[in-house]
Amino acid sequence: MSRDIAIDLGTANTLVYVRGEGIVLNEPSVIAVNTSTREVLAMGHEAWRMIGRTPANIVAVRPLRKGAITDFDITQRMIRLVLQRAGVNRFNRPKVVVCVPSAITPVERRAVIEAARRAGAAEAQLLDQPMAAAIGAGLPIHEPVGSLVVDIGGGTTETALISLGGIVALEAVRVGSFDIDAAIATHIRRTYGIAIGERTAEAIKIATGSADPTPDELAAEVRGRELTSGLPKTVLLSAAEVREAVHEPVAAMVESVLRCLGATPPELARDLIAGGMHLVGGGSLLRGLDVRLARESTIPVQQVDTPLECVVLGAGRCVESYDMLRALLRSRR
């Protein structure tokens, strides 16, 4: 059995599925590089812990932003490291399926394929993340039934209506959970004159962030550097204040879902009243988001069992059965 591989190359996290073994890697999409020597110092969790804590000659960066490659060389290095950790070497060149946002351009698609081939793949195929998520969620994608998937990642929000193995309606915006983090950091900077880092903003989002009022809301204690004095300072943020701070990116996500619903054919719209929409991706874990989407769309909303792993599990099923992948690739043409 060949050691074929599926990669969910996300803005926030990279997951790897190996044929016959399952998920073997789940790490942040971060790589630490020495800018003087261009040497890769760390990847994944180790590099993520370096964000905001490195000296001038070391940078911990995310090679993908808004679902797009911002640094081709760094992305290629990261894919090579990912394949090495999955057991790939020069004597074992596997077929690789890479899940990518449907919003990326043809140039960006070619860049991902080229990066995978240069990193050691014998063959590289791309699979849209919403389609992979639908497969991973166990939805009946090959039946004449409408299945709606909302994939909220670190850099993109994609809403796809799928029927008969193809995407009937698609709405993608380059707004994701990182934009929620940035909105929190901007609010704290403008309101309290305190600078916080990316990791602190994410921690606030996880602790008290929400898209709609929820029971048992907690306040968040924020420690950061005061801009005027340069000294450490602590403030307390209420859940309502954080919710107001993230209103703009959350509203953009909700509006993109509603636009996709507006493009749904009437017969498939009937299916959604019964089947509802399915939320996947790390950004879908924001408290109250399911409640807000259900209220504004008037259709049921379900959180899938494994929102973080759903995309790579769907791509893994394609790797286990390449006939399924070929059919999906043909449906895109």
Protein backbone atom coordinates (compact mmCIF):
# COMPACT_ATOMS: atom_id res chain seq x y z
CA MET A 1 0.00 0.00 0.00
CA SER A 2 1.41 3.35 -1.01
CA ARG A 3 1.90 5.95 1.72
CA ASP A 4 -0.37 8.55 0.18
CA ILE A 5 -1.02 11.69 2.20
CA ALA A 6 -3.73 14.30 2.68
CA ILE A 7 -2.79 17.74 4.02
CA ASP A 8 -5.17 20.36 5.37
CA LEU A 9 -2.98 23.40 4.79
CA GLY A 10 -4.83 25.91 6.93
CA THR A 11 -4.01 29.46 7.89
CA ALA A 12 -4.15 28.52 11.58
CA ASN A 13 -3.29 24.80 11.69
CA THR A 14 -1.82 22.12 9.45
CA LEU A 15 -3.14 18.57 9.73
CA VAL A 16 -1.80 15.49 7.96
CA TYR A 17 -3.62 12.23 7.21
CA VAL A 18 -1.62 9.19 6.07
CA ARG A 19 -3.34 6.42 4.14
CA GLY A 20 -3.99 3.45 6.37
CA GLU A 21 -2.91 5.29 9.53
CA GLY A 22 -5.23 8.27 10.02
CA ILE A 23 -4.24 11.70 11.35
CA VAL A 24 -0.52 11.71 12.22
CA LEU A 25 0.12 15.45 12.58
CA ASN A 26 -1.89 18.39 13.94
CA GLU A 27 0.20 21.51 14.54
CA PRO A 28 -0.07 25.29 14.15
CA SER A 29 0.89 26.62 10.70
CA VAL A 30 3.86 28.53 12.10
CA ILE A 31 7.53 28.30 11.21
CA ALA A 32 10.48 30.00 12.94
CA VAL A 33 13.34 31.16 10.70
CA ASN A 34 16.71 32.76 11.33
CA THR A 35 16.62 35.77 9.00
CA SER A 36 20.43 35.95 8.84
CA THR A 37 21.04 32.36 7.73
CA ARG A 38 17.53 31.48 6.40
CA GLU A 39 17.75 28.37 8.59
CA VAL A 40 14.48 26.86 9.81
CA LEU A 41 14.65 26.65 13.60
CA ALA A 42 11.24 25.25 14.51
CA MET A 43 7.80 24.41 13.17
CA GLY A 44 4.37 23.84 14.67
CA HIS A 45 3.80 24.06 18.42
CA GLU A 46 7.44 24.91 19.13
CA ALA A 47 7.41 27.81 16.65
CA TRP A 48 3.97 28.98 17.86
CA ARG A 49 5.34 29.41 21.38
CA MET A 50 7.97 31.77 19.89
CA ILE A 51 5.44 34.26 18.44
CA GLY A 52 6.12 37.69 19.93
CA ARG A 53 9.05 36.36 21.98
CA THR A 54 11.94 36.22 19.49
CA PRO A 55 15.07 38.37 19.10
CA ALA A 56 15.50 40.56 16.02
CA ASN A 57 17.25 37.91 13.90
CA ILE A 58 14.54 35.26 14.43
CA VAL A 59 10.99 35.52 13.10
CA ALA A 60 8.08 33.20 13.83
CA VAL A 61 5.70 33.58 10.90
CA ARG A 62 2.57 32.08 9.39
CA PRO A 63 3.37 31.45 5.71
CA LEU A 64 -0.33 31.60 4.85
CA ARG A 65 -2.54 34.61 5.48
CA LYS A 66 -6.19 34.94 4.51
CA GLY A 67 -5.93 31.46 3.03
CA ALA A 68 -3.22 32.59 0.58
CA ILE A 69 0.51 31.96 0.40
CA THR A 70 2.38 35.08 1.51
CA ASP A 71 5.86 33.55 1.28
CA PHE A 72 6.37 30.79 -1.30
CA ASP A 73 9.82 29.76 -0.03
CA ILE A 74 8.70 29.46 3.61
CA THR A 75 5.55 27.56 2.58
CA GLN A 76 7.63 25.11 0.57
CA ARG A 77 9.93 24.56 3.54
CA MET A 78 6.98 23.98 5.84
CA ILE A 79 5.39 21.45 3.47
CA ARG A 80 8.74 19.66 3.22
CA LEU A 81 8.98 19.47 7.02
CA VAL A 82 5.37 18.25 7.23
CA LEU A 83 6.07 15.48 4.69
CA GLN A 84 9.26 14.49 6.53
CA ARG A 85 7.36 14.17 9.81
CA ALA A 86 4.85 11.98 7.98
CA GLY A 87 7.68 9.65 6.98
CA VAL A 88 8.31 10.82 3.42
CA ASN A 89 11.86 10.62 2.05
CA ARG A 90 13.57 10.58 -1.33
CA PHE A 91 12.88 6.85 -1.68
CA ASN A 92 9.19 7.25 -0.87
CA ARG A 93 7.47 9.89 -2.97
CA PRO A 94 3.72 9.75 -2.27
CA LYS A 95 0.65 11.15 -3.94
CA VAL A 96 -0.45 14.18 -1.95
CA VAL A 97 -3.90 15.77 -1.71
CA VAL A 98 -3.78 19.34 -0.37
CA CYS A 99 -6.96 21.00 0.92
CA VAL A 100 -7.08 24.68 0.02
CA PRO A 101 -9.65 27.49 0.42
CA SER A 102 -11.93 27.80 -2.59
CA ALA A 103 -11.24 31.56 -2.53
CA ILE A 104 -7.62 31.28 -3.68
CA THR A 105 -6.71 32.32 -7.22
CA PRO A 106 -5.45 30.05 -10.03
CA VAL A 107 -1.95 31.48 -9.48
CA GLU A 108 -2.11 30.57 -5.79
CA ARG A 109 -3.36 27.09 -6.69
CA ARG A 110 -0.37 26.53 -8.96
CA ALA A 111 1.91 27.81 -6.20
CA VAL A 112 0.56 25.22 -3.73
CA ILE A 113 0.96 22.39 -6.27
CA GLU A 114 4.50 23.50 -7.09
CA ALA A 115 5.40 23.78 -3.40
CA ALA A 116 4.13 20.24 -2.73
CA ARG A 117 6.04 18.79 -5.69
CA ARG A 118 9.28 20.53 -4.75
CA ALA A 119 8.81 19.30 -1.18
CA GLY A 120 8.81 15.67 -2.31
CA ALA A 121 5.36 14.75 -3.64
CA ALA A 122 5.27 12.53 -6.74
CA GLU A 123 1.85 13.91 -7.59
CA ALA A 124 -0.15 16.75 -6.04
CA GLN A 125 -3.88 17.34 -6.28
CA LEU A 126 -5.96 20.12 -4.74
CA LEU A 127 -9.30 19.67 -3.02
CA ASP A 128 -11.53 22.57 -1.96
CA GLN A 129 -11.91 22.73 1.82
CA PRO A 130 -15.75 22.95 1.84
CA MET A 131 -16.01 19.76 -0.24
CA ALA A 132 -13.49 17.98 1.99
CA ALA A 133 -15.41 19.17 5.06
CA ALA A 134 -18.68 17.82 3.68
CA ILE A 135 -17.07 14.42 3.08
CA GLY A 136 -15.52 14.44 6.56
CA ALA A 137 -18.90 15.30 8.11
CA GLY A 138 -20.48 12.30 6.40
CA LEU A 139 -22.94 14.36 4.33
CA PRO A 140 -24.61 12.73 1.29
CA ILE A 141 -22.67 14.77 -1.26
CA HIS A 142 -23.32 12.40 -4.20
CA GLU A 143 -27.10 12.36 -3.73
CA PRO A 144 -29.56 14.87 -5.25
CA VAL A 145 -29.96 16.50 -1.85
CA GLY A 146 -28.71 19.93 -0.78
CA SER A 147 -26.02 19.93 1.93
CA LEU A 148 -24.82 23.28 3.27
CA VAL A 149 -21.36 23.52 4.86
CA VAL A 150 -19.95 26.62 6.57
CA ASP A 151 -16.18 26.33 7.05
CA ILE A 152 -14.75 29.08 9.27
CA GLY A 153 -10.97 28.92 9.39
CA GLY A 154 -8.24 31.25 10.54
CA GLY A 155 -8.25 33.40 7.39
CA THR A 156 -11.38 32.56 5.40
CA THR A 157 -15.08 31.80 5.79
CA GLU A 158 -16.51 29.57 3.07
CA THR A 159 -20.14 28.61 2.63
CA ALA A 160 -20.86 25.91 0.06
CA LEU A 161 -24.09 24.26 -1.07
CA ILE A 162 -23.28 20.78 -2.36
CA SER A 163 -25.41 18.37 -4.39
CA LEU A 164 -24.63 15.46 -6.74
CA GLY A 165 -20.90 15.65 -6.05
CA GLY A 166 -20.52 19.30 -7.01
CA ILE A 167 -20.73 22.79 -5.53
CA VAL A 168 -24.02 24.44 -6.55
CA ALA A 169 -23.54 27.74 -4.74
CA LEU A 170 -20.43 29.13 -3.07
CA GLU A 171 -19.67 32.25 -1.07
CA ALA A 172 -16.16 32.83 0.26
CA VAL A 173 -14.79 35.83 2.13
CA ARG A 174 -11.28 36.35 3.44
CA VAL A 175 -12.48 36.89 7.00
CA GLY A 176 -11.79 34.33 9.71
CA SER A 177 -10.95 33.78 13.35
CA PHE A 178 -7.68 35.75 13.04
CA ASP A 179 -9.75 38.79 12.14
CA ILE A 180 -11.67 38.32 15.39
CA ASP A 181 -8.35 38.25 17.27
CA ALA A 182 -7.23 41.41 15.47
CA ALA A 183 -10.52 43.17 16.29
CA ILE A 184 -10.04 42.39 19.99
CA ALA A 185 -6.45 43.69 19.95
CA THR A 186 -7.52 46.87 18.12
CA HIS A 187 -10.35 47.54 20.58
CA ILE A 188 -8.04 47.19 23.59
CA ARG A 189 -5.47 49.44 21.97
CA ARG A 190 -7.97 52.19 21.11
CA THR A 191 -10.05 52.03 24.29
CA TYR A 192 -7.42 51.40 26.96
CA GLY A 193 -4.16 52.37 25.25
CA ILE A 194 -2.77 48.87 25.85
CA ALA A 195 -0.85 46.80 23.31
CA ILE A 196 -1.39 43.04 23.38
CA GLY A 197 0.01 40.28 21.19
CA GLU A 198 -1.64 37.78 18.86
CA ARG A 199 -1.61 34.98 21.42
CA THR A 200 -3.19 37.15 24.15
CA ALA A 201 -5.99 38.25 21.81
CA GLU A 202 -6.69 34.62 20.94
CA ALA A 203 -6.82 33.69 24.63
CA ILE A 204 -9.38 36.48 25.27
CA LYS A 205 -11.50 35.21 22.36
CA ILE A 206 -11.47 31.66 23.71
CA ALA A 207 -12.17 32.75 27.29
CA THR A 208 -14.99 35.23 26.77
CA GLY A 209 -15.61 35.89 23.05
CA SER A 210 -19.10 35.34 21.61
CA ALA A 211 -21.26 36.18 18.60
CA ASP A 212 -24.51 36.27 20.58
CA PRO A 213 -25.40 36.61 24.28
CA THR A 214 -24.81 33.33 26.12
CA PRO A 215 -25.56 32.14 29.66
CA ASP A 216 -22.84 32.24 32.34
CA GLU A 217 -20.72 34.87 30.59
CA LEU A 218 -17.35 35.61 32.17
CA ALA A 219 -15.12 38.67 32.20
CA ALA A 220 -11.51 38.46 30.99
CA GLU A 221 -8.51 39.93 32.78
CA VAL A 222 -6.13 41.41 30.22
CA ARG A 223 -2.48 42.14 30.87
CA GLY A 224 -0.52 44.18 28.36
CA ARG A 225 1.87 47.10 27.82
CA GLU A 226 0.49 50.60 28.22
CA LEU A 227 1.47 52.63 25.16
CA THR A 228 2.01 55.95 26.96
CA SER A 229 4.14 54.76 29.88
CA GLY A 230 5.51 51.51 28.46
CA LEU A 231 4.67 49.80 31.76
CA PRO A 232 2.56 46.64 32.27
CA LYS A 233 -1.13 47.29 32.90
CA THR A 234 -4.17 45.13 33.68
CA VAL A 235 -7.79 45.79 32.66
CA LEU A 236 -11.02 43.79 32.91
CA LEU A 237 -13.12 43.15 29.79
CA SER A 238 -16.76 42.08 29.97
CA ALA A 239 -18.20 39.54 27.54
CA ALA A 240 -20.56 42.20 26.14
CA GLU A 241 -17.63 44.52 25.44
CA VAL A 242 -15.72 41.78 23.63
CA ARG A 243 -18.84 40.89 21.64
CA GLU A 244 -19.18 44.49 20.51
CA ALA A 245 -15.48 44.58 19.59
CA VAL A 246 -15.80 41.57 17.26
CA HIS A 247 -19.11 42.67 15.74
CA GLU A 248 -17.65 43.63 12.34
CA PRO A 249 -15.85 40.37 11.42
CA VAL A 250 -18.67 38.24 12.82
CA ALA A 251 -21.23 40.22 10.81
CA ALA A 252 -19.14 39.70 7.65
CA MET A 253 -19.19 35.93 8.26
CA VAL A 254 -22.95 35.87 8.82
CA GLU A 255 -23.63 38.00 5.76
CA SER A 256 -21.56 35.67 3.56
CA VAL A 257 -23.69 32.72 4.71
CA LEU A 258 -26.88 34.65 3.94
CA ARG A 259 -25.59 35.56 0.46
CA CYS A 260 -24.96 31.88 -0.27
CA LEU A 261 -28.47 31.02 0.90
CA GLY A 262 -29.78 33.74 -1.41
CA ALA A 263 -28.19 31.96 -4.38
CA THR A 264 -29.69 28.56 -3.47
CA PRO A 265 -32.10 27.00 -6.02
CA PRO A 266 -35.64 26.66 -4.60
CA GLU A 267 -35.70 22.83 -4.65
CA LEU A 268 -32.45 22.61 -2.68
CA ALA A 269 -33.61 25.35 -0.30
CA ARG A 270 -36.39 22.97 0.77
CA ASP A 271 -33.76 20.39 1.76
CA LEU A 272 -32.00 22.91 3.98
CA ILE A 273 -35.14 23.53 6.02
CA ALA A 274 -34.93 19.89 7.12
CA GLY A 275 -31.17 19.27 7.03
CA GLY A 276 -29.95 22.71 8.08
CA MET A 277 -26.37 23.93 7.80
CA HIS A 278 -23.25 22.29 9.22
CA LEU A 279 -20.50 24.31 10.91
CA VAL A 280 -16.88 23.20 10.65
CA GLY A 281 -13.50 24.81 11.33
CA GLY A 282 -11.97 26.29 14.45
CA GLY A 283 -13.74 29.62 13.99
CA SER A 284 -17.11 27.88 14.23
CA LEU A 285 -16.42 27.20 17.93
CA LEU A 286 -17.04 30.87 18.79
CA ARG A 287 -19.77 30.91 21.43
CA GLY A 288 -23.24 31.84 20.22
CA LEU A 289 -22.34 31.74 16.52
CA ASP A 290 -24.67 28.81 15.88
CA VAL A 291 -27.51 30.61 17.66
CA ARG A 292 -26.98 33.82 15.67
CA LEU A 293 -26.79 31.99 12.33
CA ALA A 294 -29.95 30.02 13.12
CA ARG A 295 -31.81 33.22 14.05
CA GLU A 296 -30.74 35.23 11.01
CA SER A 297 -31.04 32.42 8.43
CA THR A 298 -34.17 30.78 9.94
CA ILE A 299 -32.77 27.29 9.25
CA PRO A 300 -31.33 24.80 11.76
CA VAL A 301 -27.59 24.93 12.51
CA GLN A 302 -25.52 21.92 13.57
CA GLN A 303 -21.95 21.77 14.83
CA VAL A 304 -20.17 18.70 13.41
CA ASP A 305 -18.57 16.23 15.83
CA THR A 306 -14.96 17.01 14.86
CA PRO A 307 -14.92 20.61 13.54
CA LEU A 308 -11.13 20.97 13.66
CA GLU A 309 -10.33 17.64 11.96
CA CYS A 310 -13.31 17.46 9.61
CA VAL A 311 -11.51 18.78 6.50
CA VAL A 312 -8.47 16.50 6.74
CA LEU A 313 -10.68 13.48 7.52
CA GLY A 314 -12.65 14.17 4.35
CA ALA A 315 -9.45 14.48 2.31
CA GLY A 316 -8.25 11.28 3.99
CA ARG A 317 -11.29 9.44 2.68
CA CYS A 318 -10.35 10.61 -0.81
CA VAL A 319 -6.79 9.34 -0.25
CA GLU A 320 -8.13 5.96 0.88
CA SER A 321 -10.26 5.83 -2.27
CA TYR A 322 -8.66 7.72 -5.14
CA ASP A 323 -11.68 6.94 -7.35
CA MET A 324 -13.71 9.33 -5.18
CA LEU A 325 -11.09 12.03 -5.63
CA ARG A 326 -11.00 11.64 -9.40
CA ALA A 327 -14.78 12.02 -9.57
CA LEU A 328 -14.65 15.20 -7.48
CA LEU A 329 -11.87 16.66 -9.61
CA ARG A 330 -13.81 15.93 -12.78
CA SER A 331 -16.89 17.64 -11.32
CA ARG A 332 -14.92 20.90 -11.03
CA ARG A 333 -14.12 21.09 -14.73
